[in-house]
Amino acid sequence: MTAPTLMIQGTSSGAGKTTLVTALCRIFSDKGYRVAPFKSQNMSSYSYIGNDFEIARAQAIQAIAARANIDPKMNPILLKPIGNYRSEVFVNGKFYKKMHASEYYKKFALTTGLSTSKESLDVLRRKYDIVILEGAGSPAEINLARYDIANMRMAEYCSAPVILVTDIDKGGSFASIIGTMALLEKKYQRLIKGFVINKFRGDIEILRTSFSLLRKKTMKPVLGVIPLLKFDIPDEDSLDAKLKHVSWTKKYMQSLDVEIANLSRKVRKNLDMKALGVLLK
């Protein structure tokens, strides 16, 4: 018996995937489920160093949100950029080798990277009640789709329903949703079950009038509108120049837990949790 899965993908980097997965891990943990986060491949300069492993900081924080032990299988492939299109590659928390992007894509991603990711996800699905997967960037990066092991390949592998999140604060979110859907293969379009509009500020009733047109064009519903929230939880480092290193002290962990609890309460109020529950059955 393997656990059901749910995957959060985004129309772009910075759409709110990491934050939404963090909130969902705590929401379902509060409901009594054993929850695990999972991101097959993460590129980040910020990591969590355990006793004998190293994974992306984001997945460590998501594990804390899920009240789960931090496990390298939650982020089986970590890429730490070192410049000139090269990265340090970690596999299941252990340093593997330094690679140029071309070597990574052509010789590693679809072989060791993909098989390791599938094996890690299988282990988590046997151990937990729910696994919440996080995608990377956008699933519609057609220049990289051939080598993408972080989005639709993983969703297809575990038959995960996909929620697509978009950042409306940047503008162009409806075009991003429709454009993403249009660029995906039909088999992947079917995996997307709905959309979450993130970082909204304003009168939601004015926004709501666009939902019917969005549904007409995509045949998918909007499952939530999350307001622009203020919280002190470290995010990924791709778009935020203000990120800082953290010290995993007991005091910091306590403050982080409070931030996660506050975030999850606010997110839960603005999501169709009944619909998400149905997707997980």
Protein backbone atom coordinates (compact mmCIF):
# COMPACT_ATOMS: atom_id res chain seq x y z
CA MET A 1 0.00 0.00 0.00
CA THR A 2 1.49 3.32 -1.08
CA ALA A 3 0.47 6.79 0.02
CA PRO A 4 -1.55 9.13 -2.21
CA THR A 5 0.30 12.10 -3.62
CA LEU A 6 -0.43 15.70 -4.52
CA MET A 7 1.89 17.89 -6.58
CA ILE A 8 2.28 21.66 -6.57
CA GLN A 9 3.71 23.16 -9.74
CA GLY A 10 4.03 26.81 -10.75
CA THR A 11 3.74 28.96 -13.82
CA SER A 12 7.20 30.33 -12.98
CA SER A 13 9.91 30.40 -10.36
CA GLY A 14 8.77 32.41 -7.36
CA ALA A 15 5.09 31.62 -7.91
CA GLY A 16 4.75 30.24 -4.38
CA LYS A 17 5.26 26.49 -4.77
CA THR A 18 7.58 26.15 -1.79
CA THR A 19 5.34 28.21 0.47
CA LEU A 20 2.19 26.33 -0.54
CA VAL A 21 3.82 22.93 0.01
CA THR A 22 5.03 24.10 3.42
CA ALA A 23 1.53 25.18 4.38
CA LEU A 24 -0.08 21.97 3.08
CA CYS A 25 2.39 19.83 5.02
CA ARG A 26 1.30 21.51 8.25
CA ILE A 27 -2.41 21.53 7.31
CA PHE A 28 -2.51 17.78 6.71
CA SER A 29 -0.27 17.10 9.70
CA ASP A 30 -2.78 19.01 11.83
CA LYS A 31 -5.44 16.64 10.51
CA GLY A 32 -3.49 13.70 11.89
CA TYR A 33 -1.79 12.43 8.74
CA ARG A 34 1.85 11.42 8.51
CA VAL A 35 3.02 13.76 5.77
CA ALA A 36 6.26 14.03 3.82
CA PRO A 37 7.42 16.71 1.36
CA PHE A 38 9.32 15.75 -1.78
CA LYS A 39 11.21 17.64 -4.48
CA SER A 40 13.15 15.39 -6.79
CA GLN A 41 15.61 18.04 -7.95
CA ASN A 42 16.33 21.35 -6.29
CA MET A 43 18.88 23.99 -7.27
CA SER A 44 19.75 26.11 -4.26
CA SER A 45 22.75 27.72 -2.61
CA TYR A 46 21.07 27.27 0.76
CA SER A 47 21.06 23.84 2.33
CA TYR A 48 20.32 21.99 5.53
CA ILE A 49 23.23 19.92 6.81
CA GLY A 50 22.22 16.92 8.90
CA ASN A 51 24.46 14.49 10.74
CA ASP A 52 25.63 12.80 7.53
CA PHE A 53 23.66 14.36 4.69
CA GLU A 54 22.85 17.66 2.99
CA ILE A 55 19.59 18.63 1.26
CA ALA A 56 17.90 21.84 0.17
CA ARG A 57 16.84 24.06 3.03
CA ALA A 58 13.31 24.34 1.64
CA GLN A 59 12.62 20.61 1.98
CA ALA A 60 14.05 20.61 5.51
CA ILE A 61 11.62 23.38 6.46
CA GLN A 62 8.76 21.52 4.78
CA ALA A 63 9.65 18.44 6.83
CA ILE A 64 9.50 20.56 9.97
CA ALA A 65 6.10 21.82 8.83
CA ALA A 66 5.01 18.19 8.38
CA ARG A 67 6.41 17.28 11.81
CA ALA A 68 8.48 14.62 10.04
CA ASN A 69 12.12 13.67 10.46
CA ILE A 70 14.27 15.48 7.90
CA ASP A 71 15.24 12.82 5.37
CA PRO A 72 17.58 13.08 2.34
CA LYS A 73 14.99 11.18 0.31
CA MET A 74 12.79 14.29 0.50
CA ASN A 75 15.28 15.98 -1.86
CA PRO A 76 17.26 13.22 -3.58
CA ILE A 77 19.01 15.55 -6.06
CA LEU A 78 20.49 18.84 -4.83
CA LEU A 79 22.39 21.17 -7.16
CA LYS A 80 24.53 23.83 -5.49
CA PRO A 81 25.67 26.41 -8.08
CA ILE A 82 29.38 27.24 -8.10
CA GLY A 83 29.49 29.47 -11.19
CA ASN A 84 30.15 29.14 -14.93
CA TYR A 85 27.15 26.81 -15.37
CA ARG A 86 28.63 24.31 -12.93
CA SER A 87 27.13 22.86 -9.78
CA GLU A 88 28.02 20.56 -6.94
CA VAL A 89 25.65 17.62 -7.26
CA PHE A 90 24.40 15.82 -4.16
CA VAL A 91 22.59 12.48 -4.44
CA ASN A 92 20.50 11.34 -1.48
CA GLY A 93 22.29 13.86 0.68
CA LYS A 94 25.84 12.84 -0.30
CA PHE A 95 28.25 14.77 -2.50
CA TYR A 96 28.39 13.04 -5.90
CA LYS A 97 30.52 15.23 -8.18
CA LYS A 98 30.83 18.64 -9.78
CA MET A 99 29.08 18.92 -13.13
CA HIS A 100 28.61 21.39 -15.96
CA ALA A 101 24.97 21.92 -16.89
CA SER A 102 25.43 20.13 -20.21
CA GLU A 103 26.85 17.04 -18.50
CA TYR A 104 24.10 17.07 -15.92
CA TYR A 105 21.31 17.21 -18.49
CA LYS A 106 22.78 14.85 -21.07
CA LYS A 107 24.44 12.21 -18.88
CA PHE A 108 22.86 12.37 -15.41
CA ALA A 109 19.30 13.71 -15.27
CA LEU A 110 17.46 10.96 -17.13
CA THR A 111 19.61 8.14 -15.77
CA THR A 112 20.88 8.34 -12.19
CA GLY A 113 18.82 11.45 -11.43
CA LEU A 114 15.48 10.04 -12.51
CA SER A 115 15.97 6.55 -11.10
CA THR A 116 17.18 7.91 -7.75
CA SER A 117 14.21 10.28 -7.57
CA LYS A 118 11.71 7.50 -8.26
CA GLU A 119 13.30 5.20 -5.70
CA SER A 120 13.29 7.94 -3.06
CA LEU A 121 9.65 8.79 -3.72
CA ASP A 122 8.72 5.10 -3.49
CA VAL A 123 10.34 4.88 -0.05
CA LEU A 124 8.43 7.93 1.20
CA ARG A 125 5.13 6.63 -0.17
CA ARG A 126 5.56 3.40 1.76
CA LYS A 127 6.46 5.22 4.97
CA TYR A 128 3.94 8.10 5.06
CA ASP A 129 0.20 8.62 4.63
CA ILE A 130 0.52 11.53 2.17
CA VAL A 131 3.40 12.85 0.08
CA ILE A 132 3.25 16.46 -1.16
CA LEU A 133 5.48 16.93 -4.20
CA GLU A 134 6.93 20.25 -5.31
CA GLY A 135 7.85 21.02 -8.89
CA ALA A 136 10.65 23.27 -10.07
CA GLY A 137 10.38 26.43 -12.14
CA SER A 138 7.63 25.82 -14.68
CA PRO A 139 6.51 22.54 -16.29
CA ALA A 140 6.26 24.41 -19.61
CA GLU A 141 9.94 25.26 -20.08
CA ILE A 142 9.96 23.67 -23.51
CA ASN A 143 13.71 24.16 -23.92
CA LEU A 144 14.32 21.94 -20.87
CA ALA A 145 11.30 19.62 -20.97
CA ARG A 146 13.32 16.77 -22.45
CA TYR A 147 15.50 16.63 -19.33
CA ASP A 148 12.96 17.76 -16.70
CA ILE A 149 12.78 15.31 -13.79
CA ALA A 150 11.18 17.70 -11.31
CA ASN A 151 7.72 18.30 -12.77
CA MET A 152 5.46 16.19 -14.98
CA ARG A 153 7.66 13.09 -15.15
CA MET A 154 7.34 12.71 -11.39
CA ALA A 155 3.63 13.56 -11.39
CA GLU A 156 3.02 10.95 -14.08
CA TYR A 157 5.14 8.37 -12.28
CA CYS A 158 3.04 8.47 -9.11
CA SER A 159 -0.27 9.56 -10.75
CA ALA A 160 -0.25 12.74 -8.69
CA PRO A 161 -3.00 15.30 -9.27
CA VAL A 162 -1.29 18.61 -9.98
CA ILE A 163 -2.23 22.04 -8.68
CA LEU A 164 -0.77 24.91 -10.71
CA VAL A 165 0.03 28.04 -8.69
CA THR A 166 0.64 31.49 -10.16
CA ASP A 167 1.86 34.81 -8.73
CA ILE A 168 -0.74 37.44 -9.59
CA ASP A 169 1.24 40.23 -7.92
CA LYS A 170 3.67 40.21 -10.84
CA GLY A 171 0.84 40.51 -13.37
CA GLY A 172 0.03 38.31 -16.33
CA SER A 173 -1.07 35.37 -14.21
CA PHE A 174 -4.07 34.38 -16.34
CA ALA A 175 -1.96 34.45 -19.49
CA SER A 176 0.65 32.39 -17.65
CA ILE A 177 -1.92 29.77 -16.67
CA ILE A 178 -3.42 29.50 -20.15
CA GLY A 179 0.01 29.58 -21.80
CA THR A 180 1.32 26.85 -19.50
CA MET A 181 -1.66 24.64 -20.28
CA ALA A 182 -1.27 25.23 -24.02
CA LEU A 183 2.40 24.24 -24.02
CA LEU A 184 1.92 21.01 -22.08
CA GLU A 185 1.36 17.67 -23.76
CA LYS A 186 -2.24 16.46 -23.58
CA LYS A 187 -1.35 13.65 -21.18
CA TYR A 188 0.14 16.22 -18.81
CA GLN A 189 -2.73 18.69 -19.18
CA ARG A 190 -5.00 15.97 -17.81
CA LEU A 191 -2.92 15.74 -14.62
CA ILE A 192 -3.60 19.39 -13.74
CA LYS A 193 -6.77 19.53 -11.64
CA GLY A 194 -6.97 23.22 -10.82
CA PHE A 195 -5.24 26.50 -10.13
CA VAL A 196 -4.25 28.54 -7.10
CA ILE A 197 -3.83 32.28 -7.51
CA ASN A 198 -1.18 33.49 -5.09
CA LYS A 199 -0.13 36.88 -3.66
CA PHE A 200 -3.43 38.61 -4.42
CA ARG A 201 -4.27 42.04 -3.04
CA GLY A 202 -7.50 43.82 -3.73
CA ASP A 203 -11.20 43.03 -3.98
CA ILE A 204 -11.59 39.32 -4.63
CA GLU A 205 -15.07 39.85 -6.07
CA ILE A 206 -13.55 41.80 -8.96
CA LEU A 207 -11.11 38.96 -9.52
CA ARG A 208 -13.78 36.29 -9.30
CA THR A 209 -15.49 37.45 -12.49
CA SER A 210 -12.53 36.08 -14.48
CA PHE A 211 -12.80 32.55 -13.11
CA SER A 212 -15.57 31.43 -15.45
CA LEU A 213 -13.61 32.54 -18.51
CA LEU A 214 -10.50 30.79 -17.21
CA ARG A 215 -12.52 27.61 -16.70
CA LYS A 216 -14.03 27.89 -20.18
CA LYS A 217 -10.58 28.09 -21.74
CA THR A 218 -8.89 25.41 -19.63
CA MET A 219 -11.75 23.25 -18.28
CA LYS A 220 -10.12 23.54 -14.84
CA PRO A 221 -11.34 25.35 -11.68
CA VAL A 222 -9.64 27.87 -9.43
CA LEU A 223 -9.15 26.08 -6.10
CA GLY A 224 -8.03 29.06 -4.07
CA VAL A 225 -6.94 32.67 -3.99
CA ILE A 226 -4.23 33.30 -1.41
CA PRO A 227 -3.67 36.91 -0.37
CA LEU A 228 -0.24 38.51 -0.30
CA LEU A 229 0.99 37.34 3.10
CA LYS A 230 3.83 38.50 5.32
CA PHE A 231 5.77 35.72 7.00
CA ASP A 232 9.33 35.03 8.09
CA ILE A 233 10.05 31.65 6.52
CA PRO A 234 13.14 31.29 4.31
CA ASP A 235 12.24 30.68 0.68
CA GLU A 236 14.25 29.51 -2.32
CA ASP A 237 17.11 31.76 -3.41
CA SER A 238 16.41 32.10 -7.14
CA LEU A 239 14.45 35.35 -7.01
CA ASP A 240 15.00 36.81 -3.56
CA ALA A 241 18.13 38.88 -2.95
CA LYS A 242 17.37 39.30 0.75
CA LEU A 243 17.79 35.69 1.80
CA LYS A 244 19.99 35.06 4.77
CA HIS A 245 21.66 32.10 6.37
CA VAL A 246 19.87 30.61 9.35
CA SER A 247 21.17 28.88 12.43
CA TRP A 248 19.16 25.78 13.33
CA THR A 249 19.07 26.52 17.05
CA LYS A 250 16.24 25.49 19.33
CA LYS A 251 15.13 29.12 19.58
CA TYR A 252 15.06 29.51 15.81
CA MET A 253 13.15 26.25 15.37
CA GLN A 254 10.51 27.44 17.84
CA SER A 255 10.07 30.75 16.01
CA LEU A 256 9.95 28.92 12.67
CA ASP A 257 7.22 26.63 13.96
CA VAL A 258 5.12 29.64 14.97
CA GLU A 259 5.57 31.18 11.51
CA ILE A 260 4.56 27.90 9.84
CA ALA A 261 1.47 27.60 12.04
CA ASN A 262 0.38 31.15 11.20
CA LEU A 263 1.02 30.63 7.49
CA SER A 264 -0.92 27.37 7.36
CA ARG A 265 -3.96 28.91 9.09
CA LYS A 266 -4.09 31.75 6.56
CA VAL A 267 -3.59 29.47 3.58
CA ARG A 268 -6.20 26.98 4.79
CA LYS A 269 -8.84 29.73 4.93
CA ASN A 270 -8.28 30.53 1.26
CA LEU A 271 -8.10 27.05 -0.27
CA ASP A 272 -10.87 24.65 -1.24
CA MET A 273 -9.74 21.99 1.22
CA LYS A 274 -12.71 19.77 0.39
CA ALA A 275 -11.58 19.62 -3.23
CA LEU A 276 -7.98 18.88 -2.22
CA GLY A 277 -9.22 16.10 0.05
CA VAL A 278 -11.07 14.53 -2.88
CA LEU A 279 -7.93 14.68 -5.04
CA LEU A 280 -5.99 12.76 -2.38
CA LYS A 281 -8.44 9.86 -2.26
